[in-house]
Amino acid sequence: MPEYNIVVLGSGGVGKSCLTAQFVQNVWIESYDPTIEDSYRKTIDVDGRQVVLEILDTAGTEQFTAMRELYMKTGQGFLLVFSITSLSSLAELSDLRDQIIRIKDDPRVPIVLVGNKSDLEDERAVSRTRAFQVSQNWGNAPYYETSARRRANVDEVFRDLCRQILRKDMELNATRYSGSGGPGYGLRASGGRTVGGANGMGRRQKDWYHDGYGNSSQGLRRRAHRKRDQRCTIL
């Protein structure tokens, strides 16, 4: 059974621990207690395949930033979490992503952008359009809006990240096999994210934005197209 290391990163107070606790233990943490480092282990089913996840919930406070480089070296996939009620928490993620890519020396590191606290719609400071633009600038990284309180899209973000890691493993294995004289599997991630494999795990993912309330990036693009002539901003 394959094991993968997932790292949850983001500034303090965005709900990283709540998100992780909901996924692993199905519990909601009401009080805020700054995390230094918590690790969890969970076995999940991803498209019919059993996978063990080692999940590291990291600190968001400034005094622990020195520990991040170690997390980034060992992590195979990253959830970059911000709060939809804080524009600065989204802005901080760009530096984190740049650091991950620099340390891993790989622009295609498995990453999911997560806008947490979607239940606080009345306090929204980050529009869906703004967050979706960031995900596109990151090479069409998947973007989800989650609510740890309501458990909206919690499982989905971890499974999506795990699928990316599995696909990357398949691509590396196919490259090694092809290089050794065996037939390659022709794995290719296109703009529509179509990835095929010998074990049938290929899947076309058109919607890279989900908010748990029936909205998606495709719907967002259609609305933007209809309103383009009106010069409206979608919030």
C-alpha atoms as a PDB file:
ATOM      1  CA  MET A   1       0.000   0.000   0.000  1.00  0.00           C
ATOM      2  CA  PRO A   2       1.605   3.310  -1.040  1.00  0.00           C
ATOM      3  CA  GLU A   3       2.262   5.978   1.579  1.00  0.00           C
ATOM      4  CA  TYR A   4       2.410   9.695   0.812  1.00  0.00           C
ATOM      5  CA  ASN A   5       3.401  12.736   2.866  1.00  0.00           C
ATOM      6  CA  ILE A   6       0.972  15.652   2.714  1.00  0.00           C
ATOM      7  CA  VAL A   7       1.772  19.041   4.235  1.00  0.00           C
ATOM      8  CA  VAL A   8      -0.883  21.605   5.187  1.00  0.00           C
ATOM      9  CA  LEU A   9       0.471  25.160   4.972  1.00  0.00           C
ATOM     10  CA  GLY A  10      -0.928  28.652   5.443  1.00  0.00           C
ATOM     11  CA  SER A  11      -0.895  31.625   7.780  1.00  0.00           C
ATOM     12  CA  GLY A  12      -2.152  31.421  11.362  1.00  0.00           C
ATOM     13  CA  GLY A  13      -5.879  31.273  12.037  1.00  0.00           C
ATOM     14  CA  VAL A  14      -7.028  30.176   8.572  1.00  0.00           C
ATOM     15  CA  GLY A  15      -8.315  26.827   9.854  1.00  0.00           C
ATOM     16  CA  LYS A  16      -5.584  24.367   8.891  1.00  0.00           C
ATOM     17  CA  SER A  17      -5.990  22.310  12.055  1.00  0.00           C
ATOM     18  CA  CYS A  18      -9.789  22.346  11.832  1.00  0.00           C
ATOM     19  CA  LEU A  19      -9.626  21.175   8.243  1.00  0.00           C
ATOM     20  CA  THR A  20      -7.205  18.369   9.077  1.00  0.00           C
ATOM     21  CA  ALA A  21      -9.100  17.254  12.204  1.00  0.00           C
ATOM     22  CA  GLN A  22     -12.356  17.083  10.248  1.00  0.00           C
ATOM     23  CA  PHE A  23     -10.743  14.945   7.572  1.00  0.00           C
ATOM     24  CA  VAL A  24      -8.940  12.560   9.912  1.00  0.00           C
ATOM     25  CA  GLN A  25     -11.218  12.423  12.963  1.00  0.00           C
ATOM     26  CA  ASN A  26     -14.577  13.876  11.837  1.00  0.00           C
ATOM     27  CA  VAL A  27     -14.471  16.450  14.628  1.00  0.00           C
ATOM     28  CA  TRP A  28     -14.899  20.230  14.681  1.00  0.00           C
ATOM     29  CA  ILE A  29     -12.443  22.214  16.821  1.00  0.00           C
ATOM     30  CA  GLU A  30     -14.268  25.260  18.182  1.00  0.00           C
ATOM     31  CA  SER A  31     -11.434  27.043  20.009  1.00  0.00           C
ATOM     32  CA  TYR A  32      -8.293  28.398  18.359  1.00  0.00           C
ATOM     33  CA  ASP A  33      -5.034  27.006  19.703  1.00  0.00           C
ATOM     34  CA  PRO A  34      -1.967  27.876  17.587  1.00  0.00           C
ATOM     35  CA  THR A  35      -0.317  24.737  16.241  1.00  0.00           C
ATOM     36  CA  ILE A  36       3.409  24.040  16.441  1.00  0.00           C
ATOM     37  CA  GLU A  37       3.275  20.727  14.605  1.00  0.00           C
ATOM     38  CA  ASP A  38       0.730  17.909  14.542  1.00  0.00           C
ATOM     39  CA  SER A  39       0.924  14.770  12.448  1.00  0.00           C
ATOM     40  CA  TYR A  40      -1.865  12.396  11.472  1.00  0.00           C
ATOM     41  CA  ARG A  41      -2.085   9.102   9.638  1.00  0.00           C
ATOM     42  CA  LYS A  42      -5.098   7.937   7.680  1.00  0.00           C
ATOM     43  CA  THR A  43      -5.870   5.263   5.115  1.00  0.00           C
ATOM     44  CA  ILE A  44      -8.265   6.339   2.366  1.00  0.00           C
ATOM     45  CA  ASP A  45      -9.698   4.957  -0.838  1.00  0.00           C
ATOM     46  CA  VAL A  46      -8.852   6.945  -3.973  1.00  0.00           C
ATOM     47  CA  ASP A  47     -10.608   5.708  -7.096  1.00  0.00           C
ATOM     48  CA  GLY A  48     -10.598   2.144  -5.788  1.00  0.00           C
ATOM     49  CA  ARG A  49      -7.009   2.239  -4.569  1.00  0.00           C
ATOM     50  CA  GLN A  50      -6.008   2.122  -0.883  1.00  0.00           C
ATOM     51  CA  VAL A  51      -3.505   4.825   0.069  1.00  0.00           C
ATOM     52  CA  VAL A  52      -1.945   5.762   3.416  1.00  0.00           C
ATOM     53  CA  LEU A  53      -1.578   9.492   4.043  1.00  0.00           C
ATOM     54  CA  GLU A  54       0.878  10.977   6.520  1.00  0.00           C
ATOM     55  CA  ILE A  55      -0.531  14.471   7.094  1.00  0.00           C
ATOM     56  CA  LEU A  56       1.541  17.200   8.714  1.00  0.00           C
ATOM     57  CA  ASP A  57      -0.416  20.146  10.120  1.00  0.00           C
ATOM     58  CA  THR A  58       2.075  22.998  10.409  1.00  0.00           C
ATOM     59  CA  ALA A  59       2.401  26.215  12.372  1.00  0.00           C
ATOM     60  CA  GLY A  60       1.246  29.438  10.791  1.00  0.00           C
ATOM     61  CA  THR A  61       3.020  31.831  13.151  1.00  0.00           C
ATOM     62  CA  GLU A  62       6.188  33.679  12.241  1.00  0.00           C
ATOM     63  CA  GLN A  63       8.452  32.106  14.881  1.00  0.00           C
ATOM     64  CA  PHE A  64       8.118  28.666  13.286  1.00  0.00           C
ATOM     65  CA  THR A  65       8.844  29.604   9.678  1.00  0.00           C
ATOM     66  CA  ALA A  66      12.349  28.072   9.967  1.00  0.00           C
ATOM     67  CA  MET A  67      10.725  24.637  10.236  1.00  0.00           C
ATOM     68  CA  ARG A  68       8.926  25.003   6.907  1.00  0.00           C
ATOM     69  CA  GLU A  69      11.921  24.187   4.750  1.00  0.00           C
ATOM     70  CA  LEU A  70      12.125  20.730   6.327  1.00  0.00           C
ATOM     71  CA  TYR A  71       8.389  20.178   5.747  1.00  0.00           C
ATOM     72  CA  MET A  72       8.768  21.184   2.121  1.00  0.00           C
ATOM     73  CA  LYS A  73      11.695  18.841   1.532  1.00  0.00           C
ATOM     74  CA  THR A  74       9.810  15.802   2.842  1.00  0.00           C
ATOM     75  CA  GLY A  75       6.332  16.639   1.544  1.00  0.00           C
ATOM     76  CA  GLN A  76       5.034  15.072  -1.667  1.00  0.00           C
ATOM     77  CA  GLY A  77       1.853  17.146  -1.885  1.00  0.00           C
ATOM     78  CA  PHE A  78       0.751  20.439  -0.364  1.00  0.00           C
ATOM     79  CA  LEU A  79      -2.541  21.988   0.699  1.00  0.00           C
ATOM     80  CA  LEU A  80      -2.087  25.775   0.655  1.00  0.00           C
ATOM     81  CA  VAL A  81      -4.871  27.157   2.833  1.00  0.00           C
ATOM     82  CA  PHE A  82      -6.187  30.698   3.211  1.00  0.00           C
ATOM     83  CA  SER A  83      -9.335  32.149   4.727  1.00  0.00           C
ATOM     84  CA  ILE A  84     -11.895  33.720   2.408  1.00  0.00           C
ATOM     85  CA  THR A  85     -12.297  36.393   5.114  1.00  0.00           C
ATOM     86  CA  SER A  86      -8.654  37.520   4.846  1.00  0.00           C
ATOM     87  CA  LEU A  87      -7.047  38.855   1.679  1.00  0.00           C
ATOM     88  CA  SER A  88      -3.611  38.898   3.301  1.00  0.00           C
ATOM     89  CA  SER A  89      -3.799  35.157   4.033  1.00  0.00           C
ATOM     90  CA  LEU A  90      -4.167  34.536   0.282  1.00  0.00           C
ATOM     91  CA  ALA A  91      -1.309  36.893  -0.573  1.00  0.00           C
ATOM     92  CA  GLU A  92       1.042  35.029   1.789  1.00  0.00           C
ATOM     93  CA  LEU A  93       0.551  31.770  -0.097  1.00  0.00           C
ATOM     94  CA  SER A  94       2.374  32.962  -3.209  1.00  0.00           C
ATOM     95  CA  ASP A  95       5.650  33.157  -1.291  1.00  0.00           C
ATOM     96  CA  LEU A  96       5.022  29.702   0.184  1.00  0.00           C
ATOM     97  CA  ARG A  97       4.389  28.227  -3.250  1.00  0.00           C
ATOM     98  CA  ASP A  98       7.538  29.849  -4.656  1.00  0.00           C
ATOM     99  CA  GLN A  99       9.532  28.401  -1.763  1.00  0.00           C
ATOM    100  CA  ILE A 100       8.097  24.910  -2.338  1.00  0.00           C
ATOM    101  CA  ILE A 101       8.981  25.002  -6.040  1.00  0.00           C
ATOM    102  CA  ARG A 102      12.487  26.273  -5.277  1.00  0.00           C
ATOM    103  CA  ILE A 103      13.167  23.598  -2.660  1.00  0.00           C
ATOM    104  CA  LYS A 104      11.620  20.751  -4.664  1.00  0.00           C
ATOM    105  CA  ASP A 105      13.126  22.082  -7.923  1.00  0.00           C
ATOM    106  CA  ASP A 106       9.889  21.118  -9.647  1.00  0.00           C
ATOM    107  CA  PRO A 107       7.269  23.558 -11.032  1.00  0.00           C
ATOM    108  CA  ARG A 108       4.704  20.731 -11.140  1.00  0.00           C
ATOM    109  CA  VAL A 109       4.628  19.872  -7.443  1.00  0.00           C
ATOM    110  CA  PRO A 110       1.156  18.559  -6.461  1.00  0.00           C
ATOM    111  CA  ILE A 111      -0.674  21.507  -4.892  1.00  0.00           C
ATOM    112  CA  VAL A 112      -4.293  22.317  -4.057  1.00  0.00           C
ATOM    113  CA  LEU A 113      -5.349  25.887  -3.255  1.00  0.00           C
ATOM    114  CA  VAL A 114      -7.945  25.918  -0.463  1.00  0.00           C
ATOM    115  CA  GLY A 115     -10.176  28.844   0.504  1.00  0.00           C
ATOM    116  CA  ASN A 116     -11.431  27.863   3.957  1.00  0.00           C
ATOM    117  CA  LYS A 117     -14.318  29.292   6.039  1.00  0.00           C
ATOM    118  CA  SER A 118     -16.800  29.304   3.159  1.00  0.00           C
ATOM    119  CA  ASP A 119     -19.572  29.307   5.774  1.00  0.00           C
ATOM    120  CA  LEU A 120     -18.620  32.935   6.582  1.00  0.00           C
ATOM    121  CA  GLU A 121     -19.938  34.295   3.291  1.00  0.00           C
ATOM    122  CA  ASP A 122     -21.063  37.572   4.885  1.00  0.00           C
ATOM    123  CA  GLU A 123     -17.455  38.237   5.920  1.00  0.00           C
ATOM    124  CA  ARG A 124     -15.926  37.341   2.548  1.00  0.00           C
ATOM    125  CA  ALA A 125     -12.891  39.468   1.638  1.00  0.00           C
ATOM    126  CA  VAL A 126     -11.541  37.294  -1.202  1.00  0.00           C
ATOM    127  CA  SER A 127     -13.792  37.001  -4.245  1.00  0.00           C
ATOM    128  CA  ARG A 128     -14.039  33.677  -6.013  1.00  0.00           C
ATOM    129  CA  THR A 129     -12.756  35.367  -9.154  1.00  0.00           C
ATOM    130  CA  ARG A 130      -9.630  36.586  -7.348  1.00  0.00           C
ATOM    131  CA  ALA A 131      -8.859  33.152  -5.901  1.00  0.00           C
ATOM    132  CA  PHE A 132      -9.539  31.426  -9.215  1.00  0.00           C
ATOM    133  CA  GLN A 133      -7.129  33.815 -10.969  1.00  0.00           C
ATOM    134  CA  VAL A 134      -4.430  32.865  -8.458  1.00  0.00           C
ATOM    135  CA  SER A 135      -5.019  29.165  -9.144  1.00  0.00           C
ATOM    136  CA  GLN A 136      -4.710  29.808 -12.894  1.00  0.00           C
ATOM    137  CA  ASN A 137      -1.469  31.722 -12.358  1.00  0.00           C
ATOM    138  CA  TRP A 138      -0.196  28.675 -10.494  1.00  0.00           C
ATOM    139  CA  GLY A 139      -0.529  26.521 -13.602  1.00  0.00           C
ATOM    140  CA  ASN A 140      -4.242  25.745 -13.171  1.00  0.00           C
ATOM    141  CA  ALA A 141      -3.839  24.374  -9.674  1.00  0.00           C
ATOM    142  CA  PRO A 142      -7.144  22.996  -8.336  1.00  0.00           C
ATOM    143  CA  TYR A 143      -9.061  25.488  -6.197  1.00  0.00           C
ATOM    144  CA  TYR A 144     -11.675  24.515  -3.633  1.00  0.00           C
ATOM    145  CA  GLU A 145     -13.649  26.488  -1.090  1.00  0.00           C
ATOM    146  CA  THR A 146     -14.114  24.545   2.112  1.00  0.00           C
ATOM    147  CA  SER A 147     -15.871  24.841   5.427  1.00  0.00           C
ATOM    148  CA  ALA A 148     -14.275  22.853   8.223  1.00  0.00           C
ATOM    149  CA  ARG A 149     -17.273  23.738  10.405  1.00  0.00           C
ATOM    150  CA  ARG A 150     -19.777  22.268   7.927  1.00  0.00           C
ATOM    151  CA  ARG A 151     -17.355  19.680   6.513  1.00  0.00           C
ATOM    152  CA  ALA A 152     -17.907  21.067   3.010  1.00  0.00           C
ATOM    153  CA  ASN A 153     -15.331  19.850   0.452  1.00  0.00           C
ATOM    154  CA  VAL A 154     -13.024  18.603   3.213  1.00  0.00           C
ATOM    155  CA  ASP A 155     -12.578  15.083   1.830  1.00  0.00           C
ATOM    156  CA  GLU A 156     -12.418  16.410  -1.730  1.00  0.00           C
ATOM    157  CA  VAL A 157      -9.297  18.546  -1.222  1.00  0.00           C
ATOM    158  CA  PHE A 158      -7.287  15.680   0.249  1.00  0.00           C
ATOM    159  CA  ARG A 159      -8.443  13.208  -2.411  1.00  0.00           C
ATOM    160  CA  ASP A 160      -7.682  15.647  -5.234  1.00  0.00           C
ATOM    161  CA  LEU A 161      -4.188  16.183  -3.874  1.00  0.00           C
ATOM    162  CA  CYS A 162      -3.694  12.436  -3.528  1.00  0.00           C
ATOM    163  CA  ARG A 163      -4.766  11.923  -7.157  1.00  0.00           C
ATOM    164  CA  GLN A 164      -2.134  14.413  -8.261  1.00  0.00           C
ATOM    165  CA  ILE A 165       0.535  12.544  -6.309  1.00  0.00           C
ATOM    166  CA  LEU A 166      -0.574   9.211  -7.761  1.00  0.00           C
ATOM    167  CA  ARG A 167      -0.491  10.626 -11.299  1.00  0.00           C
ATOM    168  CA  LYS A 168       2.975  12.018 -10.721  1.00  0.00           C
ATOM    169  CA  ASP A 169       4.137   8.623  -9.484  1.00  0.00           C
ATOM    170  CA  MET A 170       2.664   6.977 -12.577  1.00  0.00           C
ATOM    171  CA  GLU A 171       4.426   9.439 -14.853  1.00  0.00           C
ATOM    172  CA  LEU A 172       7.775   8.874 -13.115  1.00  0.00           C
ATOM    173  CA  ASN A 173       7.366   5.103 -13.233  1.00  0.00           C
ATOM    174  CA  ALA A 174       6.387   5.228 -16.905  1.00  0.00           C
ATOM    175  CA  THR A 175       9.412   7.379 -17.696  1.00  0.00           C
ATOM    176  CA  ARG A 176      11.733   4.983 -15.876  1.00  0.00           C
ATOM    177  CA  TYR A 177      10.174   1.960 -17.596  1.00  0.00           C
ATOM    178  CA  SER A 178      10.354   3.592 -21.006  1.00  0.00           C
ATOM    179  CA  GLY A 179      13.956   4.603 -20.430  1.00  0.00           C
ATOM    180  CA  SER A 180      14.860   1.034 -19.599  1.00  0.00           C
ATOM    181  CA  GLY A 181      13.660  -0.152 -22.997  1.00  0.00           C
ATOM    182  CA  GLY A 182      10.113  -1.070 -22.026  1.00  0.00           C
ATOM    183  CA  PRO A 183       7.011   0.550 -23.515  1.00  0.00           C
ATOM    184  CA  GLY A 184       6.027   3.876 -22.004  1.00  0.00           C
ATOM    185  CA  TYR A 185       2.460   4.543 -20.975  1.00  0.00           C
ATOM    186  CA  GLY A 186       2.188   7.886 -22.744  1.00  0.00           C
ATOM    187  CA  LEU A 187       1.053   9.812 -19.682  1.00  0.00           C
ATOM    188  CA  ARG A 188       0.409  13.436 -20.421  1.00  0.00           C
ATOM    189  CA  ALA A 189      -1.279  16.191 -18.461  1.00  0.00           C
ATOM    190  CA  SER A 190      -2.980  18.503 -20.940  1.00  0.00           C
ATOM    191  CA  GLY A 191      -4.728  21.817 -20.426  1.00  0.00           C
ATOM    192  CA  GLY A 192      -7.892  19.886 -19.671  1.00  0.00           C
ATOM    193  CA  ARG A 193      -5.992  17.725 -17.186  1.00  0.00           C
ATOM    194  CA  THR A 194      -6.482  14.466 -19.065  1.00  0.00           C
ATOM    195  CA  VAL A 195      -4.101  11.910 -17.634  1.00  0.00           C
ATOM    196  CA  GLY A 196      -4.196   8.267 -18.671  1.00  0.00           C
ATOM    197  CA  GLY A 197      -2.474   5.230 -17.261  1.00  0.00           C
ATOM    198  CA  ALA A 198      -2.167   1.508 -17.582  1.00  0.00           C
ATOM    199  CA  ASN A 199      -4.330   0.959 -14.517  1.00  0.00           C
ATOM    200  CA  GLY A 200      -7.201   3.103 -15.790  1.00  0.00           C
ATOM    201  CA  MET A 201      -6.740   5.910 -13.313  1.00  0.00           C
ATOM    202  CA  GLY A 202      -6.856   8.577 -16.011  1.00  0.00           C
ATOM    203  CA  ARG A 203      -9.502  11.211 -15.454  1.00  0.00           C
ATOM    204  CA  ARG A 204     -10.466  14.447 -17.159  1.00  0.00           C
ATOM    205  CA  GLN A 205     -10.967  17.269 -14.714  1.00  0.00           C
ATOM    206  CA  LYS A 206     -12.545  20.345 -16.244  1.00  0.00           C
ATOM    207  CA  ASP A 207     -13.723  22.047 -13.066  1.00  0.00           C
ATOM    208  CA  TRP A 208     -10.805  23.258 -11.023  1.00  0.00           C
ATOM    209  CA  TYR A 209     -12.951  25.381  -8.727  1.00  0.00           C
ATOM    210  CA  HIS A 210     -15.514  24.001  -6.308  1.00  0.00           C
ATOM    211  CA  ASP A 211     -17.112  25.786  -3.353  1.00  0.00           C
ATOM    212  CA  GLY A 212     -19.392  23.108  -1.927  1.00  0.00           C
ATOM    213  CA  TYR A 213     -22.520  25.049  -2.915  1.00  0.00           C
ATOM    214  CA  GLY A 214     -22.909  23.894  -6.518  1.00  0.00           C
ATOM    215  CA  ASN A 215     -20.630  26.520  -8.070  1.00  0.00           C
ATOM    216  CA  SER A 216     -17.637  25.647 -10.235  1.00  0.00           C
ATOM    217  CA  SER A 217     -15.012  27.294 -12.395  1.00  0.00           C
ATOM    218  CA  GLN A 218     -16.956  26.406 -15.535  1.00  0.00           C
ATOM    219  CA  GLY A 219     -20.012  28.176 -14.213  1.00  0.00           C
ATOM    220  CA  LEU A 220     -17.855  31.113 -13.215  1.00  0.00           C
ATOM    221  CA  ARG A 221     -16.393  31.323 -16.725  1.00  0.00           C
ATOM    222  CA  ARG A 222     -19.844  31.114 -18.330  1.00  0.00           C
ATOM    223  CA  ARG A 223     -21.155  33.920 -16.132  1.00  0.00           C
ATOM    224  CA  ALA A 224     -18.077  36.003 -16.898  1.00  0.00           C
ATOM    225  CA  HIS A 225     -18.641  35.487 -20.641  1.00  0.00           C
ATOM    226  CA  ARG A 226     -22.284  36.578 -20.456  1.00  0.00           C
ATOM    227  CA  LYS A 227     -21.430  39.688 -18.468  1.00  0.00           C
ATOM    228  CA  ARG A 228     -18.320  40.725 -20.345  1.00  0.00           C
ATOM    229  CA  ASP A 229     -20.151  43.314 -22.446  1.00  0.00           C
ATOM    230  CA  GLN A 230     -21.711  44.788 -19.302  1.00  0.00           C
ATOM    231  CA  ARG A 231     -18.255  45.240 -17.767  1.00  0.00           C
ATOM    232  CA  CYS A 232     -19.440  43.756 -14.473  1.00  0.00           C
ATOM    233  CA  THR A 233     -17.220  42.250 -11.794  1.00  0.00           C
ATOM    234  CA  ILE A 234     -18.229  38.849 -10.466  1.00  0.00           C
ATOM    235  CA  LEU A 235     -17.885  38.753  -6.687  1.00  0.00           C
END
